[in-house]
Amino acid sequence: MDKAKGKIKEAAGVLTGDEDRKAEGQAEQRKAAAEKETAKKAKADRAEEEARQAERERDKQRREDKGLLDDVTDTLSGGR
């Protein structure tokens, strides 16, 4: 929305010869682009953290499963 608003202000500034309004419109467009990039990075960061958490959970489950298998193997072989 801010990008569109910025474009409108920029165009109005160009049409009326108002350099301040044109610059304000360009600034709003840059701000909108920066906010979009920040949101995109935050989303990527969340996805990376979720992937790390899922990997930790898988590793934990593998360790637990291995521990259960070790118990079964020991029981079958007469160990313990």
C-alpha atoms as a PDB file:
ATOM      1  CA  MET A   1       0.000   0.000   0.000  1.00  0.00           C
ATOM      2  CA  ASP A   2       2.797   2.430   0.909  1.00  0.00           C
ATOM      3  CA  LYS A   3       4.528   1.673  -2.372  1.00  0.00           C
ATOM      4  CA  ALA A   4       1.416   2.618  -4.344  1.00  0.00           C
ATOM      5  CA  LYS A   5       0.942   5.723  -2.227  1.00  0.00           C
ATOM      6  CA  GLY A   6       4.573   6.645  -2.874  1.00  0.00           C
ATOM      7  CA  LYS A   7       4.177   6.186  -6.609  1.00  0.00           C
ATOM      8  CA  ILE A   8       1.109   8.422  -6.605  1.00  0.00           C
ATOM      9  CA  LYS A   9       2.946  11.140  -4.673  1.00  0.00           C
ATOM     10  CA  GLU A  10       5.946  10.856  -6.973  1.00  0.00           C
ATOM     11  CA  ALA A  11       3.746  11.117 -10.061  1.00  0.00           C
ATOM     12  CA  ALA A  12       1.901  14.086  -8.597  1.00  0.00           C
ATOM     13  CA  GLY A  13       5.212  15.751  -7.883  1.00  0.00           C
ATOM     14  CA  VAL A  14       6.399  15.151 -11.433  1.00  0.00           C
ATOM     15  CA  LEU A  15       3.164  16.493 -12.919  1.00  0.00           C
ATOM     16  CA  THR A  16       3.095  19.603 -10.749  1.00  0.00           C
ATOM     17  CA  GLY A  17       6.840  20.182 -10.724  1.00  0.00           C
ATOM     18  CA  ASP A  18       6.886  19.793  -6.925  1.00  0.00           C
ATOM     19  CA  GLU A  19      10.303  18.276  -6.231  1.00  0.00           C
ATOM     20  CA  ASP A  20       9.557  17.884  -2.512  1.00  0.00           C
ATOM     21  CA  ARG A  21       6.441  15.802  -3.191  1.00  0.00           C
ATOM     22  CA  LYS A  22       8.332  13.765  -5.790  1.00  0.00           C
ATOM     23  CA  ALA A  23      11.131  13.074  -3.293  1.00  0.00           C
ATOM     24  CA  GLU A  24       8.605  12.211  -0.589  1.00  0.00           C
ATOM     25  CA  GLY A  25       6.974   9.703  -2.917  1.00  0.00           C
ATOM     26  CA  GLN A  26      10.307   8.120  -3.742  1.00  0.00           C
ATOM     27  CA  ALA A  27      11.162   7.924  -0.034  1.00  0.00           C
ATOM     28  CA  GLU A  28       7.859   6.172   0.696  1.00  0.00           C
ATOM     29  CA  GLN A  29       8.602   3.649  -2.031  1.00  0.00           C
ATOM     30  CA  ARG A  30      12.071   2.952  -0.590  1.00  0.00           C
ATOM     31  CA  LYS A  31      10.562   2.582   2.882  1.00  0.00           C
ATOM     32  CA  ALA A  32       7.958   0.120   1.581  1.00  0.00           C
ATOM     33  CA  ALA A  33      10.666  -1.896  -0.191  1.00  0.00           C
ATOM     34  CA  ALA A  34      12.795  -1.976   2.977  1.00  0.00           C
ATOM     35  CA  GLU A  35       9.833  -3.108   5.089  1.00  0.00           C
ATOM     36  CA  LYS A  36       9.045  -5.836   2.568  1.00  0.00           C
ATOM     37  CA  GLU A  37      12.662  -7.012   2.606  1.00  0.00           C
ATOM     38  CA  THR A  38      12.705  -7.018   6.416  1.00  0.00           C
ATOM     39  CA  ALA A  39       9.530  -9.094   6.535  1.00  0.00           C
ATOM     40  CA  LYS A  40      10.956 -11.485   3.947  1.00  0.00           C
ATOM     41  CA  LYS A  41      14.155 -11.927   5.984  1.00  0.00           C
ATOM     42  CA  ALA A  42      12.179 -12.472   9.192  1.00  0.00           C
ATOM     43  CA  LYS A  43      10.129 -15.165   7.453  1.00  0.00           C
ATOM     44  CA  ALA A  44      13.298 -16.860   6.194  1.00  0.00           C
ATOM     45  CA  ASP A  45      14.824 -16.675   9.686  1.00  0.00           C
ATOM     46  CA  ARG A  46      11.708 -18.296  11.170  1.00  0.00           C
ATOM     47  CA  ALA A  47      11.819 -21.047   8.555  1.00  0.00           C
ATOM     48  CA  GLU A  48      15.485 -21.723   9.311  1.00  0.00           C
ATOM     49  CA  GLU A  49      14.800 -21.897  13.043  1.00  0.00           C
ATOM     50  CA  GLU A  50      11.879 -24.270  12.457  1.00  0.00           C
ATOM     51  CA  ALA A  51      14.127 -26.475  10.317  1.00  0.00           C
ATOM     52  CA  ARG A  52      16.801 -26.517  13.044  1.00  0.00           C
ATOM     53  CA  GLN A  53      14.173 -27.411  15.641  1.00  0.00           C
ATOM     54  CA  ALA A  54      12.810 -30.207  13.455  1.00  0.00           C
ATOM     55  CA  GLU A  55      16.349 -31.567  13.026  1.00  0.00           C
ATOM     56  CA  ARG A  56      16.881 -31.499  16.798  1.00  0.00           C
ATOM     57  CA  GLU A  57      13.613 -33.379  17.273  1.00  0.00           C
ATOM     58  CA  ARG A  58      14.611 -35.979  14.660  1.00  0.00           C
ATOM     59  CA  ASP A  59      18.011 -36.441  16.326  1.00  0.00           C
ATOM     60  CA  LYS A  60      16.349 -36.848  19.716  1.00  0.00           C
ATOM     61  CA  GLN A  61      13.912 -39.410  18.325  1.00  0.00           C
ATOM     62  CA  ARG A  62      16.758 -41.345  16.672  1.00  0.00           C
ATOM     63  CA  ARG A  63      18.656 -41.461  19.979  1.00  0.00           C
ATOM     64  CA  GLU A  64      15.539 -42.639  21.792  1.00  0.00           C
ATOM     65  CA  ASP A  65      14.835 -45.261  19.118  1.00  0.00           C
ATOM     66  CA  LYS A  66      18.440 -46.469  19.222  1.00  0.00           C
ATOM     67  CA  GLY A  67      18.224 -46.760  23.002  1.00  0.00           C
ATOM     68  CA  LEU A  68      15.091 -48.889  22.690  1.00  0.00           C
ATOM     69  CA  LEU A  69      16.763 -51.126  20.115  1.00  0.00           C
ATOM     70  CA  ASP A  70      19.822 -51.517  22.341  1.00  0.00           C
ATOM     71  CA  ASP A  71      17.542 -52.682  25.157  1.00  0.00           C
ATOM     72  CA  VAL A  72      15.866 -55.264  22.893  1.00  0.00           C
ATOM     73  CA  THR A  73      19.219 -56.511  21.579  1.00  0.00           C
ATOM     74  CA  ASP A  74      20.625 -56.844  25.104  1.00  0.00           C
ATOM     75  CA  THR A  75      17.539 -58.777  26.217  1.00  0.00           C
ATOM     76  CA  LEU A  76      17.688 -61.133  23.248  1.00  0.00           C
ATOM     77  CA  SER A  77      21.416 -61.776  23.614  1.00  0.00           C
ATOM     78  CA  GLY A  78      21.127 -62.322  27.341  1.00  0.00           C
ATOM     79  CA  GLY A  79      23.109 -59.183  28.096  1.00  0.00           C
ATOM     80  CA  ARG A  80      22.660 -56.824  31.021  1.00  0.00           C
END
